[in-house]
N, C-alpha and C. Protein backbone atom coordinates (compact mmCIF):
# COMPACT_ATOMS: atom_id res chain seq x y z
N MET A 1 -45.98 44.06 -18.31
CA MET A 1 -44.53 44.34 -18.11
C MET A 1 -44.30 43.04 -16.69
N LYS A 2 -44.93 43.41 -15.60
CA LYS A 2 -44.75 42.57 -14.40
C LYS A 2 -45.07 41.48 -14.87
N LYS A 3 -45.93 40.79 -15.66
CA LYS A 3 -46.10 39.54 -15.50
C LYS A 3 -45.31 38.79 -16.31
N ILE A 4 -44.23 39.65 -17.27
CA ILE A 4 -43.31 38.91 -17.84
C ILE A 4 -42.33 38.63 -16.88
N ILE A 5 -42.13 39.84 -16.02
CA ILE A 5 -40.76 39.35 -15.03
C ILE A 5 -41.13 38.71 -13.75
N SER A 6 -42.44 38.33 -13.42
CA SER A 6 -43.17 37.64 -12.27
C SER A 6 -42.49 35.99 -13.37
N LEU A 7 -43.10 35.72 -14.50
CA LEU A 7 -42.74 34.61 -15.20
C LEU A 7 -41.94 34.28 -15.67
N LEU A 8 -40.75 35.21 -15.67
CA LEU A 8 -39.47 35.01 -15.83
C LEU A 8 -38.63 34.41 -14.53
N VAL A 9 -38.99 35.11 -13.42
CA VAL A 9 -38.62 34.73 -11.91
C VAL A 9 -39.18 33.37 -11.95
N LEU A 10 -40.34 33.28 -12.03
CA LEU A 10 -40.60 31.86 -11.68
C LEU A 10 -39.99 30.87 -12.03
N VAL A 11 -39.80 31.04 -13.69
CA VAL A 11 -38.89 30.08 -14.47
C VAL A 11 -37.58 30.11 -13.75
N LEU A 12 -36.87 30.93 -13.22
CA LEU A 12 -35.64 30.76 -12.96
C LEU A 12 -35.45 30.09 -11.54
N VAL A 13 -36.25 30.13 -11.06
CA VAL A 13 -36.64 29.39 -9.36
C VAL A 13 -36.51 28.03 -9.57
N ALA A 14 -37.85 27.59 -10.95
CA ALA A 14 -38.03 26.38 -10.77
C ALA A 14 -36.62 25.69 -11.59
N THR A 15 -35.97 26.42 -12.41
CA THR A 15 -34.78 25.92 -13.26
C THR A 15 -33.68 25.92 -11.78
N ALA A 16 -33.50 26.79 -11.04
CA ALA A 16 -32.75 26.57 -9.82
C ALA A 16 -32.83 25.10 -8.82
N VAL A 17 -34.05 24.90 -8.92
CA VAL A 17 -34.35 23.80 -8.04
C VAL A 17 -34.09 22.61 -8.70
N GLN A 18 -34.45 22.35 -10.05
CA GLN A 18 -34.51 21.51 -10.76
C GLN A 18 -32.76 20.86 -11.18
N ALA A 19 -32.11 22.51 -11.30
CA ALA A 19 -30.47 22.01 -11.00
C ALA A 19 -29.82 21.45 -10.18
N GLN A 20 -30.03 21.62 -9.05
CA GLN A 20 -29.92 21.42 -7.43
C GLN A 20 -30.10 19.53 -7.40
N ASP A 21 -31.38 19.14 -8.21
CA ASP A 21 -31.60 17.90 -7.82
C ASP A 21 -30.57 17.08 -8.88
N ASP A 22 -30.53 17.91 -9.94
CA ASP A 22 -29.44 17.04 -11.10
C ASP A 22 -28.46 17.06 -10.66
N ALA A 23 -27.84 17.66 -9.60
CA ALA A 23 -26.01 17.84 -9.37
C ALA A 23 -26.19 16.93 -8.70
N ILE A 24 -26.47 15.77 -8.05
CA ILE A 24 -26.50 14.28 -7.63
C ILE A 24 -26.17 13.77 -8.50
N VAL A 25 -27.66 13.40 -9.34
CA VAL A 25 -28.00 12.72 -10.54
C VAL A 25 -26.58 12.85 -11.62
N LYS A 26 -26.32 13.91 -11.81
CA LYS A 26 -25.14 13.82 -12.51
C LYS A 26 -23.71 13.62 -12.16
N PHE A 27 -23.60 13.65 -10.83
CA PHE A 27 -22.30 13.18 -10.33
C PHE A 27 -22.49 11.58 -10.36
N PHE A 28 -23.64 11.29 -10.09
CA PHE A 28 -23.76 9.86 -10.15
C PHE A 28 -23.63 9.44 -11.20
N SER A 29 -24.12 10.13 -12.37
CA SER A 29 -24.06 9.40 -14.17
C SER A 29 -22.53 9.72 -14.30
N LYS A 30 -22.05 10.49 -13.81
CA LYS A 30 -20.46 10.77 -14.29
C LYS A 30 -19.65 9.50 -14.13
N TYR A 31 -20.25 8.83 -13.16
CA TYR A 31 -19.19 7.69 -12.49
C TYR A 31 -19.99 6.65 -12.52
N MET A 32 -20.99 6.45 -13.04
CA MET A 32 -21.58 5.06 -12.83
C MET A 32 -21.02 3.91 -13.87
N GLU A 33 -20.77 4.53 -15.29
CA GLU A 33 -20.23 3.56 -15.78
C GLU A 33 -18.58 3.05 -15.96
N SER A 34 -18.05 3.99 -14.59
CA SER A 34 -16.30 3.51 -14.67
C SER A 34 -16.51 1.99 -13.62
N ASP A 35 -15.46 1.34 -13.64
CA ASP A 35 -15.06 0.18 -13.04
C ASP A 35 -15.00 0.11 -11.75
N ASP A 36 -14.42 1.66 -11.53
CA ASP A 36 -13.62 1.53 -10.33
C ASP A 36 -14.80 1.46 -9.51
N PHE A 37 -16.19 1.93 -9.41
CA PHE A 37 -17.27 2.15 -8.35
C PHE A 37 -18.19 0.84 -8.57
N SER A 38 -19.09 0.33 -7.70
CA SER A 38 -19.78 0.06 -7.15
C SER A 38 -21.06 1.00 -7.39
N ARG A 39 -22.21 0.36 -8.11
CA ARG A 39 -23.07 1.39 -8.14
C ARG A 39 -24.64 0.56 -7.85
N VAL A 40 -25.39 1.15 -6.81
CA VAL A 40 -26.84 0.95 -6.64
C VAL A 40 -27.92 1.75 -6.92
N TYR A 41 -28.67 1.34 -7.63
CA TYR A 41 -29.57 2.39 -7.50
C TYR A 41 -31.24 1.67 -7.48
N ILE A 42 -31.87 2.11 -6.26
CA ILE A 42 -33.32 1.41 -6.05
C ILE A 42 -34.49 2.60 -6.52
N SER A 43 -35.00 1.65 -7.25
CA SER A 43 -36.36 2.74 -8.00
C SER A 43 -37.32 2.76 -6.83
N PRO A 44 -38.25 3.76 -6.98
CA PRO A 44 -39.23 4.17 -6.27
C PRO A 44 -40.15 3.03 -6.05
N LYS A 45 -40.47 2.03 -7.50
CA LYS A 45 -41.07 1.17 -7.51
C LYS A 45 -40.74 0.07 -6.46
N MET A 46 -39.54 -0.16 -6.60
CA MET A 46 -39.32 -1.44 -5.77
C MET A 46 -39.23 -1.40 -4.36
N MET A 47 -39.23 0.38 -4.15
CA MET A 47 -39.38 0.60 -2.28
C MET A 47 -40.56 0.14 -2.13
N GLN A 48 -41.60 0.68 -3.22
CA GLN A 48 -43.19 0.63 -2.57
C GLN A 48 -43.42 -0.83 -2.59
N MET A 49 -43.14 -1.87 -3.53
CA MET A 49 -42.99 -3.02 -3.30
C MET A 49 -42.73 -3.88 -2.10
N ALA A 50 -41.14 -3.38 -1.82
CA ALA A 50 -40.89 -3.76 -0.46
C ALA A 50 -41.62 -3.49 0.92
N GLY A 51 -42.27 -2.38 0.60
CA GLY A 51 -42.69 -1.53 1.79
C GLY A 51 -44.32 -2.47 1.85
N GLY A 52 -44.54 -2.82 0.50
CA GLY A 52 -46.11 -3.55 0.64
C GLY A 52 -45.81 -4.83 0.83
N PHE A 53 -44.69 -5.58 0.68
CA PHE A 53 -44.42 -7.07 0.96
C PHE A 53 -44.64 -6.97 2.52
N LEU A 54 -43.79 -5.98 2.99
CA LEU A 54 -43.65 -5.95 4.64
C LEU A 54 -44.65 -5.81 5.60
N LYS A 55 -45.97 -4.63 4.70
CA LYS A 55 -46.92 -4.55 5.30
C LYS A 55 -47.98 -5.54 5.46
N SER A 56 -47.87 -6.33 4.49
CA SER A 56 -48.77 -7.86 3.90
C SER A 56 -48.14 -8.76 4.89
N ALA A 57 -47.14 -8.67 5.20
CA ALA A 57 -46.16 -10.05 6.35
C ALA A 57 -46.48 -9.78 7.50
N ALA A 58 -46.43 -8.44 8.14
CA ALA A 58 -46.78 -7.78 9.15
C ALA A 58 -48.64 -8.05 9.60
N ALA A 59 -49.27 -8.07 8.32
CA ALA A 59 -51.06 -8.13 8.69
C ALA A 59 -51.15 -9.56 8.82
N ASP A 60 -50.32 -10.67 8.67
CA ASP A 60 -50.42 -11.84 8.99
C ASP A 60 -49.91 -12.27 10.20
N GLY A 61 -49.48 -11.38 10.82
CA GLY A 61 -49.47 -12.07 12.43
C GLY A 61 -49.22 -10.67 12.88
N ASP A 62 -48.37 -10.62 14.04
CA ASP A 62 -48.37 -9.68 15.14
C ASP A 62 -47.11 -8.63 15.14
N ASP A 63 -46.27 -8.33 14.20
CA ASP A 63 -45.29 -8.37 14.12
C ASP A 63 -45.23 -7.11 13.61
N GLN A 64 -44.84 -5.98 14.75
CA GLN A 64 -44.88 -4.64 14.50
C GLN A 64 -44.06 -3.73 14.16
N ASP A 65 -42.72 -4.52 14.51
CA ASP A 65 -41.38 -4.07 13.44
C ASP A 65 -41.55 -3.94 12.21
N ALA A 66 -42.25 -5.49 11.83
CA ALA A 66 -41.98 -5.58 10.12
C ALA A 66 -43.44 -4.09 9.65
N LYS A 67 -44.44 -3.95 10.44
CA LYS A 67 -45.03 -3.03 9.72
C LYS A 67 -44.51 -1.68 9.73
N ASP A 68 -44.11 -1.37 10.91
CA ASP A 68 -43.29 0.01 11.09
C ASP A 68 -42.03 0.16 9.84
N MET A 69 -41.73 -0.80 9.75
CA MET A 69 -41.04 -1.03 8.68
C MET A 69 -41.35 -0.92 7.39
N GLY A 70 -42.33 -1.36 6.93
CA GLY A 70 -43.25 -1.62 6.04
C GLY A 70 -43.50 0.14 5.65
N GLU A 71 -44.06 0.58 6.62
CA GLU A 71 -44.70 2.03 6.44
C GLU A 71 -43.67 2.65 6.34
N LEU A 72 -42.25 2.82 6.89
CA LEU A 72 -40.95 3.55 6.53
C LEU A 72 -40.70 3.41 5.35
N ILE A 73 -40.51 2.05 4.54
CA ILE A 73 -39.54 2.04 3.36
C ILE A 73 -40.59 2.57 2.23
N SER A 74 -42.13 2.53 2.69
CA SER A 74 -42.94 3.08 1.89
C SER A 74 -42.71 4.46 1.30
N LYS A 75 -42.27 4.88 2.18
CA LYS A 75 -41.88 6.57 2.34
C LYS A 75 -40.32 6.63 1.61
N VAL A 76 -40.01 5.78 1.17
CA VAL A 76 -38.66 6.32 0.44
C VAL A 76 -38.74 6.27 -0.97
N LYS A 77 -38.59 7.19 -1.66
CA LYS A 77 -38.81 7.31 -3.28
C LYS A 77 -37.53 6.81 -3.99
N GLY A 78 -36.73 6.22 -3.52
CA GLY A 78 -35.24 5.86 -4.30
C GLY A 78 -34.47 6.02 -3.20
N ILE A 79 -33.35 5.53 -3.75
CA ILE A 79 -31.93 5.41 -3.11
C ILE A 79 -30.92 5.10 -4.53
N ARG A 80 -29.88 5.96 -4.03
CA ARG A 80 -28.39 5.74 -4.95
C ARG A 80 -26.99 5.76 -4.19
N ILE A 81 -26.63 5.07 -4.68
CA ILE A 81 -25.49 4.48 -3.76
C ILE A 81 -24.19 4.40 -5.03
N LEU A 82 -23.02 5.14 -4.65
CA LEU A 82 -22.00 5.64 -5.46
C LEU A 82 -20.42 5.26 -4.75
N SER A 83 -20.09 4.13 -4.69
CA SER A 83 -18.73 3.55 -3.46
C SER A 83 -17.65 3.20 -4.93
N GLY A 84 -16.62 3.43 -3.98
CA GLY A 84 -15.29 2.93 -5.10
C GLY A 84 -14.17 2.81 -4.02
N GLU A 85 -13.37 1.66 -4.38
CA GLU A 85 -12.28 1.78 -3.51
C GLU A 85 -10.97 1.40 -4.42
N ASP A 86 -10.08 1.89 -3.99
CA ASP A 86 -8.91 2.32 -4.60
C ASP A 86 -8.84 3.52 -5.41
N VAL A 87 -9.67 4.55 -5.10
CA VAL A 87 -9.76 5.52 -6.12
C VAL A 87 -9.36 6.85 -4.93
N ASP A 88 -9.08 8.11 -5.63
CA ASP A 88 -9.00 9.24 -4.48
C ASP A 88 -10.33 9.82 -4.31
N GLY A 89 -10.70 9.23 -3.04
CA GLY A 89 -11.51 9.40 -2.20
C GLY A 89 -11.56 10.86 -2.04
N MET A 90 -10.76 11.32 -1.32
CA MET A 90 -10.92 12.97 -1.04
C MET A 90 -11.07 13.84 -1.87
N ALA A 91 -10.56 13.52 -3.38
CA ALA A 91 -11.14 14.32 -4.33
C ALA A 91 -12.14 14.46 -5.19
N LEU A 92 -12.86 12.91 -4.97
CA LEU A 92 -14.28 12.55 -5.28
C LEU A 92 -15.03 13.77 -4.26
N TYR A 93 -14.92 13.56 -2.89
CA TYR A 93 -15.56 13.96 -2.03
C TYR A 93 -15.72 15.63 -2.44
N LYS A 94 -14.44 16.12 -2.52
CA LYS A 94 -14.80 17.80 -2.85
C LYS A 94 -15.20 17.94 -4.09
N GLU A 95 -14.95 17.10 -4.85
CA GLU A 95 -16.16 17.28 -6.26
C GLU A 95 -17.29 17.11 -6.26
N ALA A 96 -17.85 16.34 -5.19
CA ALA A 96 -19.35 16.13 -4.71
C ALA A 96 -19.69 17.47 -4.33
N MET A 97 -19.12 17.91 -3.32
CA MET A 97 -19.23 18.99 -2.43
C MET A 97 -19.56 20.24 -3.03
N GLY A 98 -18.66 20.19 -4.05
CA GLY A 98 -18.62 21.23 -5.03
C GLY A 98 -19.87 21.39 -6.12
N THR A 99 -20.32 20.56 -6.17
CA THR A 99 -21.75 20.31 -7.07
C THR A 99 -22.78 20.67 -6.11
N LEU A 100 -22.64 20.74 -4.89
CA LEU A 100 -23.97 20.95 -4.08
C LEU A 100 -24.10 22.31 -3.78
N ASN A 101 -25.58 22.75 -3.97
CA ASN A 101 -25.93 24.57 -3.52
C ASN A 101 -26.29 24.46 -2.27
N ARG A 102 -25.03 24.52 -1.26
CA ARG A 102 -24.90 24.58 0.28
C ARG A 102 -26.24 24.91 0.81
N ASN A 103 -26.96 26.25 -0.06
CA ASN A 103 -28.35 26.77 0.55
C ASN A 103 -29.32 25.91 0.70
N LYS A 104 -29.03 24.76 0.22
CA LYS A 104 -30.36 23.73 0.39
C LYS A 104 -30.34 22.28 1.29
N TYR A 105 -29.11 22.40 1.74
CA TYR A 105 -28.52 21.05 2.49
C TYR A 105 -28.53 21.97 3.90
N GLU A 106 -28.96 21.03 5.06
CA GLU A 106 -28.35 21.39 6.51
C GLU A 106 -27.73 20.16 6.99
N ASP A 107 -26.58 20.54 7.16
CA ASP A 107 -25.07 19.72 8.21
C ASP A 107 -26.05 18.94 9.21
N LEU A 108 -26.02 17.55 9.16
CA LEU A 108 -26.12 16.90 10.32
C LEU A 108 -25.29 16.67 11.10
N MET A 109 -23.98 15.95 10.48
CA MET A 109 -22.82 15.26 11.18
C MET A 109 -21.77 15.61 10.10
N ASP A 110 -20.65 16.18 10.74
CA ASP A 110 -19.16 16.21 9.62
C ASP A 110 -18.36 15.97 10.43
N VAL A 111 -17.34 14.92 10.15
CA VAL A 111 -16.59 14.25 11.02
C VAL A 111 -15.08 14.45 9.90
N GLN A 112 -14.17 15.18 10.38
CA GLN A 112 -13.12 15.15 9.36
C GLN A 112 -11.78 14.44 10.45
N ASP A 113 -10.99 13.32 10.13
CA ASP A 113 -10.21 12.89 10.62
C ASP A 113 -8.90 12.45 9.69
N LYS A 114 -7.81 12.45 10.04
CA LYS A 114 -6.53 12.13 9.49
C LYS A 114 -7.13 11.72 8.14
N GLY A 115 -7.17 12.73 6.96
CA GLY A 115 -7.57 12.22 5.60
C GLY A 115 -8.47 11.67 5.20
N SER A 116 -9.46 11.54 6.31
CA SER A 116 -10.89 11.38 5.62
C SER A 116 -11.74 12.19 6.16
N SER A 117 -13.15 12.20 5.68
CA SER A 117 -14.00 13.34 5.54
C SER A 117 -15.59 12.38 5.25
N LEU A 118 -16.35 12.86 6.62
CA LEU A 118 -17.70 11.86 6.22
C LEU A 118 -18.56 13.34 6.70
N LYS A 119 -19.59 13.17 6.04
CA LYS A 119 -20.46 14.23 6.05
C LYS A 119 -22.11 13.53 5.99
N PHE A 120 -22.73 13.88 6.52
CA PHE A 120 -24.61 13.67 6.73
C PHE A 120 -24.98 15.11 6.53
N MET A 121 -25.80 15.39 5.19
CA MET A 121 -26.70 16.03 5.14
C MET A 121 -28.37 16.36 5.03
N VAL A 122 -29.49 17.01 5.31
CA VAL A 122 -30.35 16.88 4.55
C VAL A 122 -30.93 18.05 4.00
N ARG A 123 -31.79 17.23 3.01
CA ARG A 123 -32.27 18.70 2.24
C ARG A 123 -34.08 18.75 2.71
N GLU A 124 -34.84 19.67 3.32
CA GLU A 124 -35.82 19.43 3.87
C GLU A 124 -36.80 20.32 2.85
N GLU A 125 -38.20 19.93 2.65
CA GLU A 125 -39.26 20.73 1.75
C GLU A 125 -40.34 20.41 2.89
N ASN A 126 -41.00 21.46 2.91
CA ASN A 126 -42.50 21.24 3.45
C ASN A 126 -42.57 20.60 4.89
N GLY A 127 -41.34 21.02 5.66
CA GLY A 127 -41.10 20.70 6.89
C GLY A 127 -41.16 19.01 7.12
N LYS A 128 -40.48 18.52 6.00
CA LYS A 128 -40.10 17.22 6.09
C LYS A 128 -38.66 17.09 5.34
N VAL A 129 -38.08 15.75 5.95
CA VAL A 129 -36.86 15.61 5.19
C VAL A 129 -37.20 14.87 3.25
N ALA A 130 -36.90 15.77 2.78
CA ALA A 130 -36.73 15.18 1.26
C ALA A 130 -35.74 14.38 0.96
N GLU A 131 -34.38 14.73 1.12
CA GLU A 131 -33.24 13.83 1.21
C GLU A 131 -32.42 13.51 1.93
N LEU A 132 -31.90 12.91 2.23
CA LEU A 132 -30.81 12.37 3.31
C LEU A 132 -29.51 12.37 2.47
N LEU A 133 -28.26 12.94 2.50
CA LEU A 133 -27.11 12.95 1.66
C LEU A 133 -26.21 12.20 2.71
N MET A 134 -25.37 11.35 2.14
CA MET A 134 -24.19 11.35 2.93
C MET A 134 -22.54 10.93 2.00
N LEU A 135 -21.89 11.74 2.43
CA LEU A 135 -20.91 11.65 1.35
C LEU A 135 -19.30 11.61 2.30
N SER A 136 -18.86 10.63 1.91
CA SER A 136 -17.36 9.59 2.45
C SER A 136 -16.37 9.81 1.77
N GLY A 137 -15.15 10.25 1.89
CA GLY A 137 -13.80 10.47 1.36
C GLY A 137 -12.74 10.03 2.08
N SER A 138 -11.87 9.26 1.62
CA SER A 138 -10.60 8.98 1.95
C SER A 138 -9.67 8.75 1.18
N GLU A 139 -8.28 8.80 1.80
CA GLU A 139 -7.07 8.45 0.75
C GLU A 139 -7.52 7.46 -0.64
N GLY A 140 -8.36 6.25 0.03
CA GLY A 140 -8.64 5.26 -1.02
C GLY A 140 -9.69 4.68 -1.39
N GLU A 141 -11.01 5.55 -0.96
CA GLU A 141 -12.40 5.10 -0.97
C GLU A 141 -12.99 6.50 -0.73
N PHE A 142 -14.50 6.24 -1.81
CA PHE A 142 -15.48 7.08 -1.46
C PHE A 142 -17.05 6.70 -1.67
N THR A 143 -17.70 7.25 -0.83
CA THR A 143 -19.03 6.53 -1.11
C THR A 143 -20.53 7.96 -1.01
N LEU A 144 -20.90 8.03 -2.10
CA LEU A 144 -22.38 8.90 -1.65
C LEU A 144 -23.42 7.60 -1.58
N LEU A 145 -24.27 8.50 -0.93
CA LEU A 145 -25.47 7.65 -0.62
C LEU A 145 -26.39 8.65 -0.56
N SER A 146 -27.35 8.65 -1.39
CA SER A 146 -28.77 9.79 -1.69
C SER A 146 -29.96 8.87 -1.54
N MET A 147 -30.94 9.22 -0.37
CA MET A 147 -32.36 8.77 -0.14
C MET A 147 -33.23 9.53 -0.54
N LEU A 148 -33.81 9.64 -1.08
CA LEU A 148 -34.93 10.58 -1.66
C LEU A 148 -36.45 9.71 -0.71
N GLY A 149 -37.27 11.12 -0.48
CA GLY A 149 -38.19 10.48 0.15
C GLY A 149 -39.20 11.46 0.85
N SER A 150 -39.83 11.32 2.43
CA SER A 150 -40.56 12.39 2.74
C SER A 150 -40.63 11.67 4.15
N PHE A 151 -39.43 12.34 4.83
CA PHE A 151 -39.41 11.28 6.04
C PHE A 151 -39.25 12.52 7.30
N THR A 152 -39.39 12.15 8.68
CA THR A 152 -39.27 12.69 9.68
C THR A 152 -37.71 12.54 10.00
N TYR A 153 -37.57 13.26 11.56
CA TYR A 153 -36.12 12.65 11.89
C TYR A 153 -36.33 11.06 12.58
N GLN A 154 -37.85 10.99 13.19
CA GLN A 154 -37.67 9.89 13.91
C GLN A 154 -38.04 8.62 12.76
N ASP A 155 -38.14 8.93 11.41
CA ASP A 155 -38.20 8.01 10.32
C ASP A 155 -36.63 7.84 10.27
N LEU A 156 -36.11 8.52 10.16
CA LEU A 156 -34.40 8.59 9.76
C LEU A 156 -33.79 7.54 10.97
N ASN A 157 -34.21 8.03 11.99
CA ASN A 157 -33.72 7.69 13.03
C ASN A 157 -33.98 5.99 13.20
N MET A 158 -35.35 5.57 13.04
CA MET A 158 -35.42 4.02 12.92
C MET A 158 -34.81 3.58 11.81
N LEU A 159 -34.62 4.05 10.56
CA LEU A 159 -34.28 3.41 9.48
C LEU A 159 -32.72 3.40 9.77
N ALA A 160 -31.91 3.88 10.41
CA ALA A 160 -30.52 3.92 11.42
C ALA A 160 -30.41 3.05 12.13
N GLU A 161 -31.57 2.29 12.89
CA GLU A 161 -31.44 1.47 14.01
C GLU A 161 -31.69 -0.12 13.74
N LYS A 162 -32.32 0.10 12.12
CA LYS A 162 -32.96 -1.36 11.88
C LYS A 162 -32.75 -1.52 10.48
N THR A 163 -31.89 -1.12 9.93
CA THR A 163 -31.05 -1.33 8.54
C THR A 163 -29.77 -1.58 8.83
N ASP A 164 -29.23 -2.41 7.55
CA ASP A 164 -27.94 -2.53 7.46
C ASP A 164 -27.74 -1.45 6.12
N LEU A 165 -28.16 -0.35 5.75
CA LEU A 165 -27.78 0.98 4.46
C LEU A 165 -26.34 1.15 4.96
N PRO A 166 -25.62 1.48 4.09
CA PRO A 166 -24.42 1.94 4.12
C PRO A 166 -24.50 2.90 4.66
N GLY A 167 -23.29 3.81 5.57
CA GLY A 167 -23.96 4.83 6.57
C GLY A 167 -24.70 4.89 7.55
N MET A 168 -25.78 3.75 7.98
CA MET A 168 -26.64 4.34 8.58
C MET A 168 -25.76 3.96 10.00
N ASN A 169 -24.51 3.33 9.93
CA ASN A 169 -24.50 3.05 11.69
C ASN A 169 -23.65 4.38 12.03
N GLU A 170 -22.95 5.23 11.07
CA GLU A 170 -22.22 6.40 11.15
C GLU A 170 -23.60 7.65 11.75
N TYR A 171 -24.56 7.37 11.19
CA TYR A 171 -25.52 8.01 11.02
C TYR A 171 -26.29 7.98 12.31
N SER A 172 -26.41 6.72 12.85
CA SER A 172 -27.24 6.18 14.06
C SER A 172 -26.04 6.68 15.36
N SER A 173 -24.90 6.98 14.95
CA SER A 173 -24.20 7.31 16.15
C SER A 173 -24.22 8.86 16.69
N GLY A 174 -24.49 9.76 15.38
CA GLY A 174 -24.76 11.02 15.63
C GLY A 174 -26.22 11.66 14.98
N LYS A 175 -27.20 10.77 15.26
CA LYS A 175 -28.55 11.05 15.15
C LYS A 175 -29.15 12.60 15.62
N LYS A 176 -29.92 12.90 14.50
CA LYS A 176 -30.35 14.30 15.14
C LYS A 176 -31.83 13.96 15.73
N LYS A 177 -31.67 14.73 16.77
CA LYS A 177 -32.99 14.92 17.62
C LYS A 177 -34.11 14.87 16.95
N ASN A 178 -35.36 14.30 17.66
CA ASN A 178 -36.41 14.37 17.00
C ASN A 178 -37.09 15.76 16.92
N LYS A 179 -37.72 15.87 15.39
CA LYS A 179 -38.13 17.64 15.63
C LYS A 179 -39.71 17.57 15.50
């Protein structure tokens, strides 16, 4: 009987973890076919290729920045961006926040300003950042950015400083101290 109960508990925990990972995917999927949104999905394979390209370019010369970015980009397992203009961004922001299991995410930054909201959150696993999530909503705009990988906070700070990913300027202005 104890083995059956233990097995049921493990299945329920695994299902809960899978359901959380699926929350952002389901939200993204719900709106990805709408013409009101721009969608970007960068696969793990594409990130691996980009990281390899930067690493090989750095090997040809003495470009330490390219080498560092190549190593960093290789840690990215995928990026999803959903962005809409002329949409009810605040309603979408609230809907997206409602899909999240808040116990899995830690707030990094929360900015509320006259009809707009911006939130950066991280989900950690085994002492590393497994997901950086940015949600932004206002009267006429909405943006969701989900970046999966295995990062340190130093990695995220470098990414904010050296890339033009949506939301990274805002992240850089409130970045978390190194852990």
